[in-house]
């Protein structure tokens, strides 16, 4: 018995708006940053860490563009919103955490803090998606953010890029390391704890 083919092949692709392709470019940049860190860990060539940081910056550019394009074309969708959140988790949550790991924040406490940071980013995006309609107060646009947006992690990436340029990575990380109960903590990782906590805070930030 012959198997019938779908009546609408590639129907999901056809639902994409122009802005959604920029969102996917954001995600691709985030994944590229992960690959670059893995290559750095293998070959120890700082250029790959620069590539990783640069790709997160490129992801931010695509993230800004997709929002502007969606407003310009007046085409938004639930699919686009979910795509944006998933891309942001990769590029501004997972990628910065892995860049930090590549820079030398590899102790047990470091990993806990970095996992906390990613969890905060995921929670922040989930809360935004669930409450977006309420926060828009009946209009078409959300009036403010609750908690700092996850793309603000670009500041952390900038710090790590500067540390790389200064040679202050791995065993030479700024502020050194602490040994607590037999496990390692690099104090520099605490900037991720602060960033994550701000993301899940109730601080109201006007949305431009």
C-alpha atoms as a PDB file:
ATOM      1  CA  UNK A   1       0.000   0.000   0.000  1.00  0.00           C
ATOM      2  CA  UNK A   2       1.463   3.330  -1.083  1.00  0.00           C
ATOM      3  CA  UNK A   3       2.138   5.949   1.579  1.00  0.00           C
ATOM      4  CA  UNK A   4       0.420   9.251   0.905  1.00  0.00           C
ATOM      5  CA  UNK A   5       2.566  12.355   0.889  1.00  0.00           C
ATOM      6  CA  UNK A   6       1.762  15.418   2.997  1.00  0.00           C
ATOM      7  CA  UNK A   7      -0.545  17.781   1.192  1.00  0.00           C
ATOM      8  CA  UNK A   8       1.482  20.818   2.189  1.00  0.00           C
ATOM      9  CA  UNK A   9       5.216  20.036   2.183  1.00  0.00           C
ATOM     10  CA  UNK A  10       7.403  22.602   3.956  1.00  0.00           C
ATOM     11  CA  UNK A  11       4.265  24.277   5.324  1.00  0.00           C
ATOM     12  CA  UNK A  12       6.160  25.465   8.423  1.00  0.00           C
ATOM     13  CA  UNK A  13       8.762  27.236   6.262  1.00  0.00           C
ATOM     14  CA  UNK A  14       5.974  28.967   4.375  1.00  0.00           C
ATOM     15  CA  UNK A  15       4.695  30.413   7.635  1.00  0.00           C
ATOM     16  CA  UNK A  16       7.983  32.211   8.271  1.00  0.00           C
ATOM     17  CA  UNK A  17       8.017  35.988   7.926  1.00  0.00           C
ATOM     18  CA  UNK A  18      11.114  37.935   6.887  1.00  0.00           C
ATOM     19  CA  UNK A  19      11.892  38.751  10.526  1.00  0.00           C
ATOM     20  CA  UNK A  20      11.904  35.041  11.390  1.00  0.00           C
ATOM     21  CA  UNK A  21      14.860  34.421   9.078  1.00  0.00           C
ATOM     22  CA  UNK A  22      16.850  37.037  10.979  1.00  0.00           C
ATOM     23  CA  UNK A  23      15.856  35.269  14.196  1.00  0.00           C
ATOM     24  CA  UNK A  24      17.214  32.012  12.794  1.00  0.00           C
ATOM     25  CA  UNK A  25      20.434  33.833  11.880  1.00  0.00           C
ATOM     26  CA  UNK A  26      20.649  34.843  15.549  1.00  0.00           C
ATOM     27  CA  UNK A  27      20.421  31.172  16.562  1.00  0.00           C
ATOM     28  CA  UNK A  28      22.993  30.120  13.964  1.00  0.00           C
ATOM     29  CA  UNK A  29      25.446  32.696  15.318  1.00  0.00           C
ATOM     30  CA  UNK A  30      24.915  31.346  18.819  1.00  0.00           C
ATOM     31  CA  UNK A  31      25.620  27.793  17.712  1.00  0.00           C
ATOM     32  CA  UNK A  32      28.686  29.017  15.816  1.00  0.00           C
ATOM     33  CA  UNK A  33      29.947  30.594  19.037  1.00  0.00           C
ATOM     34  CA  UNK A  34      29.647  27.214  20.774  1.00  0.00           C
ATOM     35  CA  UNK A  35      31.651  25.529  18.026  1.00  0.00           C
ATOM     36  CA  UNK A  36      34.328  28.226  18.274  1.00  0.00           C
ATOM     37  CA  UNK A  37      34.734  27.680  22.023  1.00  0.00           C
ATOM     38  CA  UNK A  38      35.057  23.922  21.498  1.00  0.00           C
ATOM     39  CA  UNK A  39      37.741  24.543  18.895  1.00  0.00           C
ATOM     40  CA  UNK A  40      39.549  26.898  21.293  1.00  0.00           C
ATOM     41  CA  UNK A  41      39.551  24.232  23.998  1.00  0.00           C
ATOM     42  CA  UNK A  42      41.118  21.812  21.529  1.00  0.00           C
ATOM     43  CA  UNK A  43      43.750  23.982  19.851  1.00  0.00           C
ATOM     44  CA  UNK A  44      44.264  26.765  22.446  1.00  0.00           C
ATOM     45  CA  UNK A  45      44.262  29.473  19.782  1.00  0.00           C
ATOM     46  CA  UNK A  46      42.784  32.708  21.171  1.00  0.00           C
ATOM     47  CA  UNK A  47      41.431  33.643  17.745  1.00  0.00           C
ATOM     48  CA  UNK A  48      38.658  31.132  18.231  1.00  0.00           C
ATOM     49  CA  UNK A  49      37.612  32.828  21.458  1.00  0.00           C
ATOM     50  CA  UNK A  50      37.454  36.113  19.557  1.00  0.00           C
ATOM     51  CA  UNK A  51      35.317  34.385  16.925  1.00  0.00           C
ATOM     52  CA  UNK A  52      32.977  33.144  19.649  1.00  0.00           C
ATOM     53  CA  UNK A  53      32.581  36.599  21.183  1.00  0.00           C
ATOM     54  CA  UNK A  54      32.165  38.173  17.751  1.00  0.00           C
ATOM     55  CA  UNK A  55      29.428  35.710  16.836  1.00  0.00           C
ATOM     56  CA  UNK A  56      27.481  36.617  19.975  1.00  0.00           C
ATOM     57  CA  UNK A  57      27.758  40.253  18.918  1.00  0.00           C
ATOM     58  CA  UNK A  58      26.503  39.303  15.439  1.00  0.00           C
ATOM     59  CA  UNK A  59      23.613  37.456  17.105  1.00  0.00           C
ATOM     60  CA  UNK A  60      22.714  40.678  18.928  1.00  0.00           C
ATOM     61  CA  UNK A  61      22.660  42.563  15.622  1.00  0.00           C
ATOM     62  CA  UNK A  62      20.287  39.982  14.127  1.00  0.00           C
ATOM     63  CA  UNK A  63      18.168  40.098  17.279  1.00  0.00           C
ATOM     64  CA  UNK A  64      17.756  43.868  16.959  1.00  0.00           C
ATOM     65  CA  UNK A  65      17.063  43.630  13.240  1.00  0.00           C
ATOM     66  CA  UNK A  66      14.367  40.973  13.553  1.00  0.00           C
ATOM     67  CA  UNK A  67      12.382  43.161  15.946  1.00  0.00           C
ATOM     68  CA  UNK A  68      12.758  46.228  13.749  1.00  0.00           C
ATOM     69  CA  UNK A  69      11.770  44.304  10.630  1.00  0.00           C
ATOM     70  CA  UNK A  70       8.721  42.804  12.343  1.00  0.00           C
ATOM     71  CA  UNK A  71       7.539  46.279  13.367  1.00  0.00           C
ATOM     72  CA  UNK A  72       8.328  47.736   9.945  1.00  0.00           C
ATOM     73  CA  UNK A  73       6.363  45.037   8.112  1.00  0.00           C
ATOM     74  CA  UNK A  74       3.735  44.903  10.871  1.00  0.00           C
ATOM     75  CA  UNK A  75       3.920  41.119  10.852  1.00  0.00           C
ATOM     76  CA  UNK A  76       4.312  39.351  14.150  1.00  0.00           C
ATOM     77  CA  UNK A  77       3.256  35.886  15.225  1.00  0.00           C
ATOM     78  CA  UNK A  78       3.355  33.494  18.155  1.00  0.00           C
ATOM     79  CA  UNK A  79       5.757  31.373  16.103  1.00  0.00           C
ATOM     80  CA  UNK A  80       8.080  34.348  15.698  1.00  0.00           C
ATOM     81  CA  UNK A  81       7.980  35.112  19.410  1.00  0.00           C
ATOM     82  CA  UNK A  82       8.820  31.514  20.320  1.00  0.00           C
ATOM     83  CA  UNK A  83      11.613  31.407  17.733  1.00  0.00           C
ATOM     84  CA  UNK A  84      13.056  34.589  19.188  1.00  0.00           C
ATOM     85  CA  UNK A  85      13.087  33.165  22.701  1.00  0.00           C
ATOM     86  CA  UNK A  86      14.715  29.905  21.653  1.00  0.00           C
ATOM     87  CA  UNK A  87      17.375  31.750  19.646  1.00  0.00           C
ATOM     88  CA  UNK A  88      18.057  34.088  22.570  1.00  0.00           C
ATOM     89  CA  UNK A  89      18.535  31.158  24.948  1.00  0.00           C
ATOM     90  CA  UNK A  90      21.278  29.813  22.676  1.00  0.00           C
ATOM     91  CA  UNK A  91      23.022  33.088  21.803  1.00  0.00           C
ATOM     92  CA  UNK A  92      22.700  35.056  25.038  1.00  0.00           C
ATOM     93  CA  UNK A  93      22.293  32.281  27.608  1.00  0.00           C
ATOM     94  CA  UNK A  94      24.172  29.134  26.667  1.00  0.00           C
ATOM     95  CA  UNK A  95      26.861  30.754  24.485  1.00  0.00           C
ATOM     96  CA  UNK A  96      28.088  33.290  27.108  1.00  0.00           C
ATOM     97  CA  UNK A  97      28.158  30.538  29.736  1.00  0.00           C
ATOM     98  CA  UNK A  98      30.220  28.274  27.492  1.00  0.00           C
ATOM     99  CA  UNK A  99      32.550  31.153  26.589  1.00  0.00           C
ATOM    100  CA  UNK A 100      33.104  31.672  30.319  1.00  0.00           C
ATOM    101  CA  UNK A 101      33.819  27.966  30.710  1.00  0.00           C
ATOM    102  CA  UNK A 102      36.291  28.144  27.838  1.00  0.00           C
ATOM    103  CA  UNK A 103      38.006  31.105  29.478  1.00  0.00           C
ATOM    104  CA  UNK A 104      38.730  28.969  32.528  1.00  0.00           C
ATOM    105  CA  UNK A 105      35.673  29.084  34.793  1.00  0.00           C
ATOM    106  CA  UNK A 106      35.610  25.309  35.069  1.00  0.00           C
ATOM    107  CA  UNK A 107      35.456  24.682  38.814  1.00  0.00           C
ATOM    108  CA  UNK A 108      32.440  23.009  40.402  1.00  0.00           C
ATOM    109  CA  UNK A 109      31.133  26.278  41.833  1.00  0.00           C
ATOM    110  CA  UNK A 110      31.760  27.987  38.493  1.00  0.00           C
ATOM    111  CA  UNK A 111      29.607  25.401  36.733  1.00  0.00           C
ATOM    112  CA  UNK A 112      26.824  25.822  39.271  1.00  0.00           C
ATOM    113  CA  UNK A 113      26.837  29.602  38.779  1.00  0.00           C
ATOM    114  CA  UNK A 114      26.900  29.279  34.982  1.00  0.00           C
ATOM    115  CA  UNK A 115      24.028  26.772  35.066  1.00  0.00           C
ATOM    116  CA  UNK A 116      22.133  29.188  37.333  1.00  0.00           C
ATOM    117  CA  UNK A 117      22.722  31.983  34.832  1.00  0.00           C
ATOM    118  CA  UNK A 118      21.302  29.920  31.954  1.00  0.00           C
ATOM    119  CA  UNK A 119      18.334  28.814  34.077  1.00  0.00           C
ATOM    120  CA  UNK A 120      17.599  32.456  34.918  1.00  0.00           C
ATOM    121  CA  UNK A 121      17.721  33.368  31.233  1.00  0.00           C
ATOM    122  CA  UNK A 122      15.308  30.578  30.317  1.00  0.00           C
ATOM    123  CA  UNK A 123      12.971  31.590  33.156  1.00  0.00           C
ATOM    124  CA  UNK A 124      13.134  35.241  32.144  1.00  0.00           C
ATOM    125  CA  UNK A 125      12.131  34.447  28.562  1.00  0.00           C
ATOM    126  CA  UNK A 126       9.373  32.067  29.639  1.00  0.00           C
ATOM    127  CA  UNK A 127       7.921  34.691  31.983  1.00  0.00           C
ATOM    128  CA  UNK A 128       8.001  37.297  29.245  1.00  0.00           C
ATOM    129  CA  UNK A 129       6.200  35.036  26.771  1.00  0.00           C
ATOM    130  CA  UNK A 130       3.511  34.138  29.276  1.00  0.00           C
ATOM    131  CA  UNK A 131       2.913  37.702  30.481  1.00  0.00           C
ATOM    132  CA  UNK A 132       3.452  39.611  27.201  1.00  0.00           C
ATOM    133  CA  UNK A 133      -0.266  40.076  26.586  1.00  0.00           C
ATOM    134  CA  UNK A 134      -0.847  41.345  30.108  1.00  0.00           C
ATOM    135  CA  UNK A 135       2.151  43.671  29.995  1.00  0.00           C
ATOM    136  CA  UNK A 136       0.919  45.201  26.716  1.00  0.00           C
ATOM    137  CA  UNK A 137      -2.125  46.497  28.653  1.00  0.00           C
ATOM    138  CA  UNK A 138      -4.485  45.858  25.763  1.00  0.00           C
ATOM    139  CA  UNK A 139      -2.221  47.440  23.136  1.00  0.00           C
ATOM    140  CA  UNK A 140      -0.040  45.918  20.456  1.00  0.00           C
ATOM    141  CA  UNK A 141       3.233  46.578  22.228  1.00  0.00           C
ATOM    142  CA  UNK A 142       4.673  45.563  25.565  1.00  0.00           C
ATOM    143  CA  UNK A 143       5.263  48.700  27.624  1.00  0.00           C
ATOM    144  CA  UNK A 144       8.152  47.458  29.746  1.00  0.00           C
ATOM    145  CA  UNK A 145      10.355  44.480  30.580  1.00  0.00           C
ATOM    146  CA  UNK A 146      10.306  42.785  33.980  1.00  0.00           C
ATOM    147  CA  UNK A 147      13.915  41.987  34.736  1.00  0.00           C
ATOM    148  CA  UNK A 148      16.846  42.781  32.497  1.00  0.00           C
ATOM    149  CA  UNK A 149      16.552  41.331  28.963  1.00  0.00           C
ATOM    150  CA  UNK A 150      18.756  38.313  28.279  1.00  0.00           C
ATOM    151  CA  UNK A 151      20.691  40.077  25.450  1.00  0.00           C
ATOM    152  CA  UNK A 152      22.295  42.246  28.156  1.00  0.00           C
ATOM    153  CA  UNK A 153      24.657  39.297  28.593  1.00  0.00           C
ATOM    154  CA  UNK A 154      26.593  40.854  25.710  1.00  0.00           C
ATOM    155  CA  UNK A 155      28.247  42.944  28.464  1.00  0.00           C
ATOM    156  CA  UNK A 156      29.599  39.744  30.033  1.00  0.00           C
ATOM    157  CA  UNK A 157      30.850  38.577  26.652  1.00  0.00           C
ATOM    158  CA  UNK A 158      32.585  41.923  26.200  1.00  0.00           C
ATOM    159  CA  UNK A 159      34.364  41.472  29.542  1.00  0.00           C
ATOM    160  CA  UNK A 160      35.505  38.001  28.493  1.00  0.00           C
ATOM    161  CA  UNK A 161      36.713  39.292  25.119  1.00  0.00           C
ATOM    162  CA  UNK A 162      38.742  41.944  26.955  1.00  0.00           C
ATOM    163  CA  UNK A 163      40.134  39.297  29.303  1.00  0.00           C
ATOM    164  CA  UNK A 164      41.159  37.206  26.309  1.00  0.00           C
ATOM    165  CA  UNK A 165      42.877  40.180  24.697  1.00  0.00           C
ATOM    166  CA  UNK A 166      44.723  40.829  27.978  1.00  0.00           C
ATOM    167  CA  UNK A 167      45.814  37.213  28.316  1.00  0.00           C
ATOM    168  CA  UNK A 168      43.764  36.971  31.529  1.00  0.00           C
ATOM    169  CA  UNK A 169      42.106  33.622  30.851  1.00  0.00           C
ATOM    170  CA  UNK A 170      42.412  30.042  32.115  1.00  0.00           C
ATOM    171  CA  UNK A 171      44.983  29.975  34.931  1.00  0.00           C
ATOM    172  CA  UNK A 172      45.469  33.756  34.656  1.00  0.00           C
ATOM    173  CA  UNK A 173      41.830  34.769  35.104  1.00  0.00           C
ATOM    174  CA  UNK A 174      41.261  38.121  36.793  1.00  0.00           C
ATOM    175  CA  UNK A 175      40.795  37.822  40.596  1.00  0.00           C
ATOM    176  CA  UNK A 176      42.373  34.357  40.612  1.00  0.00           C
ATOM    177  CA  UNK A 177      40.587  31.439  42.243  1.00  0.00           C
ATOM    178  CA  UNK A 178      39.340  30.316  45.647  1.00  0.00           C
ATOM    179  CA  UNK A 179      39.254  26.827  47.111  1.00  0.00           C
ATOM    180  CA  UNK A 180      36.141  26.116  49.139  1.00  0.00           C
ATOM    181  CA  UNK A 181      35.564  22.672  50.636  1.00  0.00           C
ATOM    182  CA  UNK A 182      37.956  21.212  48.114  1.00  0.00           C
ATOM    183  CA  UNK A 183      36.298  22.746  45.047  1.00  0.00           C
ATOM    184  CA  UNK A 184      37.253  25.753  42.906  1.00  0.00           C
ATOM    185  CA  UNK A 185      35.458  29.080  42.519  1.00  0.00           C
ATOM    186  CA  UNK A 186      36.720  31.845  40.225  1.00  0.00           C
ATOM    187  CA  UNK A 187      35.336  35.112  41.656  1.00  0.00           C
ATOM    188  CA  UNK A 188      34.942  36.522  38.122  1.00  0.00           C
ATOM    189  CA  UNK A 189      32.098  34.059  37.545  1.00  0.00           C
ATOM    190  CA  UNK A 190      29.994  35.958  40.076  1.00  0.00           C
ATOM    191  CA  UNK A 191      29.189  38.534  37.382  1.00  0.00           C
ATOM    192  CA  UNK A 192      27.067  35.778  35.828  1.00  0.00           C
ATOM    193  CA  UNK A 193      25.274  35.283  39.138  1.00  0.00           C
ATOM    194  CA  UNK A 194      24.480  38.996  39.283  1.00  0.00           C
ATOM    195  CA  UNK A 195      23.327  39.085  35.656  1.00  0.00           C
ATOM    196  CA  UNK A 196      21.094  36.047  36.118  1.00  0.00           C
ATOM    197  CA  UNK A 197      19.551  37.458  39.293  1.00  0.00           C
ATOM    198  CA  UNK A 198      18.767  40.739  37.554  1.00  0.00           C
ATOM    199  CA  UNK A 199      17.033  38.862  34.740  1.00  0.00           C
ATOM    200  CA  UNK A 200      14.570  37.190  37.115  1.00  0.00           C
ATOM    201  CA  UNK A 201      14.075  40.295  39.252  1.00  0.00           C
ATOM    202  CA  UNK A 202      10.926  42.445  39.197  1.00  0.00           C
ATOM    203  CA  UNK A 203      12.826  45.521  38.036  1.00  0.00           C
ATOM    204  CA  UNK A 204      10.772  47.322  35.400  1.00  0.00           C
ATOM    205  CA  UNK A 205      12.682  48.500  32.345  1.00  0.00           C
ATOM    206  CA  UNK A 206      10.805  50.568  29.728  1.00  0.00           C
ATOM    207  CA  UNK A 207      10.787  48.867  26.344  1.00  0.00           C
ATOM    208  CA  UNK A 208      11.923  51.158  23.488  1.00  0.00           C
END
